[in-house]
Amino acid sequence: MKNAQFATGCVIEGTVEESLVFRKVTIAKDAEVRNSIIMQGSQIGEGAILEYCILDKNVTVGPGVTLKGTKDNLVVIEKNKTLTV
C-alpha cells in the first residue's frame, strides 16, 4: 500500500497505490490497483490490473482482467457491471 486510503470493511490482498477505496471492497491476491477510485461493494479479482480507473458501486472485475486508462483519459465503469476476460 502506497499513498492509498481505505474505508471500513475492505479486504485487501493485492497492491494498491495512489488510490481511494470505499467501503466493503475486496481486492484479491496479486491484483494491482493504481491511480484509481473504487467505490463501495466492488470486487477486484485475482491478478486483475487497474490503472487510472473509476469503478462505481458494486462493480466486479474478474480474475486476470486489465483496465488501463491514462491521467487524461480515465476508464469509467458504471455501477453493477461485471467485467470478465
PDB file of N, CA and C in Angstrom:
ATOM      1  N   MET A   1       0.839  -1.166   0.000  1.00  0.00           N
ATOM      2  CA  MET A   1       0.000   0.000   0.000  1.00  0.00           C
ATOM      3  C   MET A   1       0.893   1.241   0.000  1.00  0.00           C
ATOM      4  N   LYS A   2       0.629   2.105  -0.915  1.00  0.00           N
ATOM      5  CA  LYS A   2       1.422   3.325  -1.015  1.00  0.00           C
ATOM      6  C   LYS A   2       0.489   4.482  -1.338  1.00  0.00           C
ATOM      7  N   ASN A   3       0.408   5.428  -0.423  1.00  0.00           N
ATOM      8  CA  ASN A   3      -0.391   6.634  -0.614  1.00  0.00           C
ATOM      9  C   ASN A   3      -1.832   6.306  -1.027  1.00  0.00           C
ATOM     10  N   ALA A   4      -2.467   5.405  -0.282  1.00  0.00           N
ATOM     11  CA  ALA A   4      -3.835   4.990  -0.568  1.00  0.00           C
ATOM     12  C   ALA A   4      -4.686   5.155   0.686  1.00  0.00           C
ATOM     13  N   GLN A   5      -5.987   5.369   0.489  1.00  0.00           N
ATOM     14  CA  GLN A   5      -6.918   5.481   1.611  1.00  0.00           C
ATOM     15  C   GLN A   5      -8.002   4.423   1.463  1.00  0.00           C
ATOM     16  N   PHE A   6      -8.358   3.815   2.609  1.00  0.00           N
ATOM     17  CA  PHE A   6      -9.335   2.734   2.624  1.00  0.00           C
ATOM     18  C   PHE A   6     -10.437   3.032   3.623  1.00  0.00           C
ATOM     19  N   ALA A   7     -11.682   2.711   3.256  1.00  0.00           N
ATOM     20  CA  ALA A   7     -12.800   2.811   4.191  1.00  0.00           C
ATOM     21  C   ALA A   7     -12.926   1.476   4.934  1.00  0.00           C
ATOM     22  N   THR A   8     -13.874   1.409   5.846  1.00  0.00           N
ATOM     23  CA  THR A   8     -14.059   0.213   6.665  1.00  0.00           C
ATOM     24  C   THR A   8     -14.573  -0.969   5.844  1.00  0.00           C
ATOM     25  N   GLY A   9     -14.271  -2.165   6.318  1.00  0.00           N
ATOM     26  CA  GLY A   9     -14.817  -3.378   5.736  1.00  0.00           C
ATOM     27  C   GLY A   9     -14.127  -3.866   4.481  1.00  0.00           C
ATOM     28  N   CYS A  10     -12.969  -3.314   4.149  1.00  0.00           N
ATOM     29  CA  CYS A  10     -12.245  -3.743   2.949  1.00  0.00           C
ATOM     30  C   CYS A  10     -11.388  -4.973   3.242  1.00  0.00           C
ATOM     31  N   VAL A  11     -11.226  -5.801   2.212  1.00  0.00           N
ATOM     32  CA  VAL A  11     -10.302  -6.926   2.275  1.00  0.00           C
ATOM     33  C   VAL A  11      -9.292  -6.698   1.152  1.00  0.00           C
ATOM     34  N   ILE A  12      -8.051  -6.425   1.531  1.00  0.00           N
ATOM     35  CA  ILE A  12      -7.023  -6.076   0.554  1.00  0.00           C
ATOM     36  C   ILE A  12      -5.908  -7.120   0.605  1.00  0.00           C
ATOM     37  N   GLU A  13      -5.772  -7.885  -0.459  1.00  0.00           N
ATOM     38  CA  GLU A  13      -4.703  -8.877  -0.549  1.00  0.00           C
ATOM     39  C   GLU A  13      -3.720  -8.536  -1.664  1.00  0.00           C
ATOM     40  N   GLY A  14      -4.077  -7.577  -2.514  1.00  0.00           N
ATOM     41  CA  GLY A  14      -3.217  -7.181  -3.629  1.00  0.00           C
ATOM     42  C   GLY A  14      -2.482  -5.886  -3.332  1.00  0.00           C
ATOM     43  N   THR A  15      -2.008  -5.233  -4.387  1.00  0.00           N
ATOM     44  CA  THR A  15      -1.254  -3.987  -4.295  1.00  0.00           C
ATOM     45  C   THR A  15      -2.157  -2.809  -4.622  1.00  0.00           C
ATOM     46  N   VAL A  16      -2.115  -1.769  -3.794  1.00  0.00           N
ATOM     47  CA  VAL A  16      -2.903  -0.560  -4.035  1.00  0.00           C
ATOM     48  C   VAL A  16      -1.986   0.642  -3.854  1.00  0.00           C
ATOM     49  N   GLU A  17      -1.929   1.508  -4.884  1.00  0.00           N
ATOM     50  CA  GLU A  17      -1.095   2.699  -4.829  1.00  0.00           C
ATOM     51  C   GLU A  17      -1.863   3.898  -5.368  1.00  0.00           C
ATOM     52  N   GLU A  18      -1.696   5.043  -4.700  1.00  0.00           N
ATOM     53  CA  GLU A  18      -2.263   6.315  -5.168  1.00  0.00           C
ATOM     54  C   GLU A  18      -3.760   6.184  -5.480  1.00  0.00           C
ATOM     55  N   SER A  19      -4.519   5.528  -4.608  1.00  0.00           N
ATOM     56  CA  SER A  19      -5.926   5.251  -4.885  1.00  0.00           C
ATOM     57  C   SER A  19      -6.805   5.483  -3.667  1.00  0.00           C
ATOM     58  N   LEU A  20      -8.105   5.588  -3.930  1.00  0.00           N
ATOM     59  CA  LEU A  20      -9.120   5.743  -2.897  1.00  0.00           C
ATOM     60  C   LEU A  20     -10.064   4.551  -3.000  1.00  0.00           C
ATOM     61  N   VAL A  21     -10.230   3.828  -1.885  1.00  0.00           N
ATOM     62  CA  VAL A  21     -11.039   2.607  -1.876  1.00  0.00           C
ATOM     63  C   VAL A  21     -12.166   2.771  -0.858  1.00  0.00           C
ATOM     64  N   PHE A  22     -13.401   2.671  -1.324  1.00  0.00           N
ATOM     65  CA  PHE A  22     -14.574   2.861  -0.477  1.00  0.00           C
ATOM     66  C   PHE A  22     -14.888   1.597   0.330  1.00  0.00           C
ATOM     67  N   ARG A  23     -16.011   1.617   1.073  1.00  0.00           N
ATOM     68  CA  ARG A  23     -16.385   0.538   1.990  1.00  0.00           C
ATOM     69  C   ARG A  23     -16.642  -0.791   1.273  1.00  0.00           C
ATOM     70  N   LYS A  24     -16.304  -1.859   1.998  1.00  0.00           N
ATOM     71  CA  LYS A  24     -16.632  -3.229   1.599  1.00  0.00           C
ATOM     72  C   LYS A  24     -16.124  -3.605   0.209  1.00  0.00           C
ATOM     73  N   VAL A  25     -14.932  -3.157  -0.119  1.00  0.00           N
ATOM     74  CA  VAL A  25     -14.284  -3.526  -1.381  1.00  0.00           C
ATOM     75  C   VAL A  25     -13.329  -4.683  -1.109  1.00  0.00           C
ATOM     76  N   THR A  26     -13.282  -5.632  -2.034  1.00  0.00           N
ATOM     77  CA  THR A  26     -12.333  -6.735  -1.949  1.00  0.00           C
ATOM     78  C   THR A  26     -11.369  -6.641  -3.126  1.00  0.00           C
ATOM     79  N   ILE A  27     -10.083  -6.652  -2.812  1.00  0.00           N
ATOM     80  CA  ILE A  27      -9.039  -6.672  -3.837  1.00  0.00           C
ATOM     81  C   ILE A  27      -8.233  -7.947  -3.604  1.00  0.00           C
ATOM     82  N   ALA A  28      -8.354  -8.878  -4.538  1.00  0.00           N
ATOM     83  CA  ALA A  28      -7.793 -10.221  -4.367  1.00  0.00           C
ATOM     84  C   ALA A  28      -6.274 -10.250  -4.517  1.00  0.00           C
ATOM     85  N   LYS A  29      -5.736 -11.401  -4.179  1.00  0.00           N
ATOM     86  CA  LYS A  29      -4.301 -11.664  -4.263  1.00  0.00           C
ATOM     87  C   LYS A  29      -3.781 -11.390  -5.675  1.00  0.00           C
ATOM     88  N   ASP A  30      -2.619 -10.773  -5.736  1.00  0.00           N
ATOM     89  CA  ASP A  30      -1.917 -10.469  -6.988  1.00  0.00           C
ATOM     90  C   ASP A  30      -2.621  -9.437  -7.866  1.00  0.00           C
ATOM     91  N   ALA A  31      -3.715  -8.840  -7.398  1.00  0.00           N
ATOM     92  CA  ALA A  31      -4.349  -7.742  -8.132  1.00  0.00           C
ATOM     93  C   ALA A  31      -3.543  -6.469  -7.892  1.00  0.00           C
ATOM     94  N   GLU A  32      -3.571  -5.551  -8.880  1.00  0.00           N
ATOM     95  CA  GLU A  32      -2.868  -4.281  -8.777  1.00  0.00           C
ATOM     96  C   GLU A  32      -3.832  -3.150  -9.095  1.00  0.00           C
ATOM     97  N   VAL A  33      -3.921  -2.179  -8.194  1.00  0.00           N
ATOM     98  CA  VAL A  33      -4.782  -1.016  -8.390  1.00  0.00           C
ATOM     99  C   VAL A  33      -3.916   0.222  -8.205  1.00  0.00           C
ATOM    100  N   ARG A  34      -3.873   1.067  -9.237  1.00  0.00           N
ATOM    101  CA  ARG A  34      -3.055   2.276  -9.172  1.00  0.00           C
ATOM    102  C   ARG A  34      -3.831   3.471  -9.715  1.00  0.00           C
ATOM    103  N   ASN A  35      -3.698   4.604  -9.040  1.00  0.00           N
ATOM    104  CA  ASN A  35      -4.295   5.864  -9.501  1.00  0.00           C
ATOM    105  C   ASN A  35      -5.781   5.705  -9.828  1.00  0.00           C
ATOM    106  N   SER A  36      -6.515   5.064  -8.931  1.00  0.00           N
ATOM    107  CA  SER A  36      -7.914   4.735  -9.203  1.00  0.00           C
ATOM    108  C   SER A  36      -8.816   5.047  -8.019  1.00  0.00           C
ATOM    109  N   ILE A  37     -10.121   5.082  -8.305  1.00  0.00           N
ATOM    110  CA  ILE A  37     -11.158   5.224  -7.283  1.00  0.00           C
ATOM    111  C   ILE A  37     -12.067   4.009  -7.418  1.00  0.00           C
ATOM    112  N   ILE A  38     -12.188   3.254  -6.331  1.00  0.00           N
ATOM    113  CA  ILE A  38     -13.007   2.043  -6.333  1.00  0.00           C
ATOM    114  C   ILE A  38     -14.134   2.250  -5.320  1.00  0.00           C
ATOM    115  N   MET A  39     -15.367   2.354  -5.803  1.00  0.00           N
ATOM    116  CA  MET A  39     -16.492   2.645  -4.916  1.00  0.00           C
ATOM    117  C   MET A  39     -17.018   1.389  -4.241  1.00  0.00           C
ATOM    118  N   GLN A  40     -17.882   1.603  -3.249  1.00  0.00           N
ATOM    119  CA  GLN A  40     -18.285   0.557  -2.314  1.00  0.00           C
ATOM    120  C   GLN A  40     -18.848  -0.699  -2.965  1.00  0.00           C
ATOM    121  N   GLY A  41     -18.498  -1.820  -2.338  1.00  0.00           N
ATOM    122  CA  GLY A  41     -19.032  -3.111  -2.738  1.00  0.00           C
ATOM    123  C   GLY A  41     -18.392  -3.724  -3.967  1.00  0.00           C
ATOM    124  N   SER A  42     -17.377  -3.092  -4.513  1.00  0.00           N
ATOM    125  CA  SER A  42     -16.739  -3.629  -5.718  1.00  0.00           C
ATOM    126  C   SER A  42     -15.788  -4.768  -5.369  1.00  0.00           C
ATOM    127  N   GLN A  43     -15.589  -5.658  -6.341  1.00  0.00           N
ATOM    128  CA  GLN A  43     -14.741  -6.835  -6.169  1.00  0.00           C
ATOM    129  C   GLN A  43     -13.719  -6.849  -7.300  1.00  0.00           C
ATOM    130  N   ILE A  44     -12.444  -6.919  -6.937  1.00  0.00           N
ATOM    131  CA  ILE A  44     -11.373  -6.978  -7.927  1.00  0.00           C
ATOM    132  C   ILE A  44     -10.755  -8.369  -7.847  1.00  0.00           C
ATOM    133  N   GLY A  45     -10.796  -9.105  -8.947  1.00  0.00           N
ATOM    134  CA  GLY A  45     -10.353 -10.492  -8.958  1.00  0.00           C
ATOM    135  C   GLY A  45      -8.848 -10.672  -8.953  1.00  0.00           C
ATOM    136  N   GLU A  46      -8.441 -11.891  -8.686  1.00  0.00           N
ATOM    137  CA  GLU A  46      -7.033 -12.254  -8.598  1.00  0.00           C
ATOM    138  C   GLU A  46      -6.300 -11.930  -9.899  1.00  0.00           C
ATOM    139  N   GLY A  47      -5.183 -11.238  -9.773  1.00  0.00           N
ATOM    140  CA  GLY A  47      -4.350 -10.921 -10.920  1.00  0.00           C
ATOM    141  C   GLY A  47      -4.870  -9.811 -11.821  1.00  0.00           C
ATOM    142  N   ALA A  48      -5.983  -9.182 -11.467  1.00  0.00           N
ATOM    143  CA  ALA A  48      -6.511  -8.068 -12.264  1.00  0.00           C
ATOM    144  C   ALA A  48      -5.594  -6.856 -12.116  1.00  0.00           C
ATOM    145  N   ILE A  49      -5.542  -6.022 -13.159  1.00  0.00           N
ATOM    146  CA  ILE A  49      -4.726  -4.813 -13.136  1.00  0.00           C
ATOM    147  C   ILE A  49      -5.602  -3.629 -13.514  1.00  0.00           C
ATOM    148  N   LEU A  50      -5.647  -2.624 -12.635  1.00  0.00           N
ATOM    149  CA  LEU A  50      -6.413  -1.408 -12.882  1.00  0.00           C
ATOM    150  C   LEU A  50      -5.501  -0.205 -12.725  1.00  0.00           C
ATOM    151  N   GLU A  51      -5.477   0.652 -13.741  1.00  0.00           N
ATOM    152  CA  GLU A  51      -4.716   1.893 -13.676  1.00  0.00           C
ATOM    153  C   GLU A  51      -5.582   3.018 -14.217  1.00  0.00           C
ATOM    154  N   TYR A  52      -5.650   4.104 -13.485  1.00  0.00           N
ATOM    155  CA  TYR A  52      -6.440   5.275 -13.858  1.00  0.00           C
ATOM    156  C   TYR A  52      -7.886   4.880 -14.176  1.00  0.00           C
ATOM    157  N   CYS A  53      -8.533   4.243 -13.201  1.00  0.00           N
ATOM    158  CA  CYS A  53      -9.916   3.797 -13.350  1.00  0.00           C
ATOM    159  C   CYS A  53     -10.801   4.401 -12.270  1.00  0.00           C
ATOM    160  N   ILE A  54     -12.069   4.577 -12.613  1.00  0.00           N
ATOM    161  CA  ILE A  54     -13.104   4.890 -11.630  1.00  0.00           C
ATOM    162  C   ILE A  54     -14.158   3.802 -11.766  1.00  0.00           C
ATOM    163  N   LEU A  55     -14.352   3.031 -10.698  1.00  0.00           N
ATOM    164  CA  LEU A  55     -15.373   1.994 -10.677  1.00  0.00           C
ATOM    165  C   LEU A  55     -16.499   2.447  -9.770  1.00  0.00           C
ATOM    166  N   ASP A  56     -17.720   2.488 -10.292  1.00  0.00           N
ATOM    167  CA  ASP A  56     -18.879   2.855  -9.489  1.00  0.00           C
ATOM    168  C   ASP A  56     -19.219   1.689  -8.552  1.00  0.00           C
ATOM    169  N   LYS A  57     -20.292   1.805  -7.818  1.00  0.00           N
ATOM    170  CA  LYS A  57     -20.673   0.823  -6.800  1.00  0.00           C
ATOM    171  C   LYS A  57     -20.929  -0.560  -7.391  1.00  0.00           C
ATOM    172  N   ASN A  58     -20.514  -1.576  -6.629  1.00  0.00           N
ATOM    173  CA  ASN A  58     -20.819  -2.980  -6.925  1.00  0.00           C
ATOM    174  C   ASN A  58     -20.346  -3.456  -8.298  1.00  0.00           C
ATOM    175  N   VAL A  59     -19.179  -3.017  -8.704  1.00  0.00           N
ATOM    176  CA  VAL A  59     -18.577  -3.495  -9.950  1.00  0.00           C
ATOM    177  C   VAL A  59     -17.730  -4.725  -9.629  1.00  0.00           C
ATOM    178  N   THR A  60     -17.811  -5.732 -10.486  1.00  0.00           N
ATOM    179  CA  THR A  60     -16.985  -6.923 -10.337  1.00  0.00           C
ATOM    180  C   THR A  60     -16.017  -6.989 -11.508  1.00  0.00           C
ATOM    181  N   VAL A  61     -14.731  -7.015 -11.188  1.00  0.00           N
ATOM    182  CA  VAL A  61     -13.681  -7.169 -12.194  1.00  0.00           C
ATOM    183  C   VAL A  61     -13.123  -8.574 -12.008  1.00  0.00           C
ATOM    184  N   GLY A  62     -13.301  -9.402 -13.015  1.00  0.00           N
ATOM    185  CA  GLY A  62     -12.904 -10.800 -12.908  1.00  0.00           C
ATOM    186  C   GLY A  62     -11.401 -11.002 -12.862  1.00  0.00           C
ATOM    187  N   PRO A  63     -10.980 -12.214 -12.519  1.00  0.00           N
ATOM    188  CA  PRO A  63      -9.559 -12.549 -12.463  1.00  0.00           C
ATOM    189  C   PRO A  63      -8.874 -12.303 -13.808  1.00  0.00           C
ATOM    190  N   GLY A  64      -7.700 -11.698 -13.761  1.00  0.00           N
ATOM    191  CA  GLY A  64      -6.899 -11.504 -14.955  1.00  0.00           C
ATOM    192  C   GLY A  64      -7.315 -10.373 -15.875  1.00  0.00           C
ATOM    193  N   VAL A  65      -8.359  -9.633 -15.526  1.00  0.00           N
ATOM    194  CA  VAL A  65      -8.813  -8.515 -16.359  1.00  0.00           C
ATOM    195  C   VAL A  65      -7.841  -7.344 -16.209  1.00  0.00           C
ATOM    196  N   THR A  66      -7.526  -6.670 -17.321  1.00  0.00           N
ATOM    197  CA  THR A  66      -6.678  -5.482 -17.294  1.00  0.00           C
ATOM    198  C   THR A  66      -7.467  -4.292 -17.812  1.00  0.00           C
ATOM    199  N   LEU A  67      -7.525  -3.229 -17.012  1.00  0.00           N
ATOM    200  CA  LEU A  67      -8.157  -1.969 -17.398  1.00  0.00           C
ATOM    201  C   LEU A  67      -7.121  -0.871 -17.205  1.00  0.00           C
ATOM    202  N   LYS A  68      -6.687  -0.244 -18.293  1.00  0.00           N
ATOM    203  CA  LYS A  68      -5.660   0.789 -18.182  1.00  0.00           C
ATOM    204  C   LYS A  68      -6.111   2.049 -18.900  1.00  0.00           C
ATOM    205  N   GLY A  69      -6.310   3.094 -18.111  1.00  0.00           N
ATOM    206  CA  GLY A  69      -6.551   4.404 -18.666  1.00  0.00           C
ATOM    207  C   GLY A  69      -5.280   5.226 -18.559  1.00  0.00           C
ATOM    208  N   THR A  70      -5.425   6.534 -18.727  1.00  0.00           N
ATOM    209  CA  THR A  70      -4.306   7.457 -18.546  1.00  0.00           C
ATOM    210  C   THR A  70      -4.782   8.608 -17.676  1.00  0.00           C
ATOM    211  N   LYS A  71      -3.861   9.447 -17.283  1.00  0.00           N
ATOM    212  CA  LYS A  71      -4.207  10.600 -16.455  1.00  0.00           C
ATOM    213  C   LYS A  71      -5.255  11.474 -17.143  1.00  0.00           C
ATOM    214  N   ASP A  72      -5.193  11.572 -18.459  1.00  0.00           N
ATOM    215  CA  ASP A  72      -6.114  12.423 -19.217  1.00  0.00           C
ATOM    216  C   ASP A  72      -7.286  11.668 -19.825  1.00  0.00           C
ATOM    217  N   ASN A  73      -7.286  10.350 -19.720  1.00  0.00           N
ATOM    218  CA  ASN A  73      -8.352   9.540 -20.311  1.00  0.00           C
ATOM    219  C   ASN A  73      -8.650   8.356 -19.392  1.00  0.00           C
ATOM    220  N   LEU A  74      -9.449   8.617 -18.348  1.00  0.00           N
ATOM    221  CA  LEU A  74      -9.761   7.603 -17.343  1.00  0.00           C
ATOM    222  C   LEU A  74     -10.707   6.538 -17.895  1.00  0.00           C
ATOM    223  N   VAL A  75     -10.600   5.340 -17.362  1.00  0.00           N
ATOM    224  CA  VAL A  75     -11.568   4.280 -17.637  1.00  0.00           C
ATOM    225  C   VAL A  75     -12.650   4.395 -16.565  1.00  0.00           C
ATOM    226  N   VAL A  76     -13.912   4.538 -16.979  1.00  0.00           N
ATOM    227  CA  VAL A  76     -15.027   4.682 -16.041  1.00  0.00           C
ATOM    228  C   VAL A  76     -16.004   3.535 -16.269  1.00  0.00           C
ATOM    229  N   ILE A  77     -16.316   2.799 -15.194  1.00  0.00           N
ATOM    230  CA  ILE A  77     -17.235   1.662 -15.274  1.00  0.00           C
ATOM    231  C   ILE A  77     -18.473   1.966 -14.437  1.00  0.00           C
ATOM    232  N   GLU A  78     -19.651   1.830 -15.044  1.00  0.00           N
ATOM    233  CA  GLU A  78     -20.922   2.098 -14.371  1.00  0.00           C
ATOM    234  C   GLU A  78     -21.196   1.088 -13.266  1.00  0.00           C
ATOM    235  N   LYS A  79     -22.078   1.462 -12.341  1.00  0.00           N
ATOM    236  CA  LYS A  79     -22.398   0.580 -11.217  1.00  0.00           C
ATOM    237  C   LYS A  79     -23.052  -0.720 -11.684  1.00  0.00           C
ATOM    238  N   ASN A  80     -22.832  -1.748 -10.867  1.00  0.00           N
ATOM    239  CA  ASN A  80     -23.414  -3.084 -11.049  1.00  0.00           C
ATOM    240  C   ASN A  80     -22.945  -3.819 -12.304  1.00  0.00           C
ATOM    241  N   LYS A  81     -21.822  -3.442 -12.879  1.00  0.00           N
ATOM    242  CA  LYS A  81     -21.292  -4.124 -14.068  1.00  0.00           C
ATOM    243  C   LYS A  81     -20.339  -5.243 -13.661  1.00  0.00           C
ATOM    244  N   THR A  82     -20.246  -6.261 -14.504  1.00  0.00           N
ATOM    245  CA  THR A  82     -19.299  -7.356 -14.315  1.00  0.00           C
ATOM    246  C   THR A  82     -18.417  -7.433 -15.550  1.00  0.00           C
ATOM    247  N   LEU A  83     -17.096  -7.425 -15.328  1.00  0.00           N
ATOM    248  CA  LEU A  83     -16.137  -7.486 -16.428  1.00  0.00           C
ATOM    249  C   LEU A  83     -15.336  -8.776 -16.317  1.00  0.00           C
ATOM    250  N   THR A  84     -15.272  -9.532 -17.411  1.00  0.00           N
ATOM    251  CA  THR A  84     -14.519 -10.785 -17.413  1.00  0.00           C
ATOM    252  C   THR A  84     -13.606 -10.814 -18.631  1.00  0.00           C
ATOM    253  N   VAL A  85     -12.677 -11.768 -18.619  1.00  0.00           N
ATOM    254  CA  VAL A  85     -11.746 -11.913 -19.748  1.00  0.00           C
ATOM    255  C   VAL A  85     -12.456 -12.612 -20.879  1.00  0.00           C
TER     256      VAL A  85
END
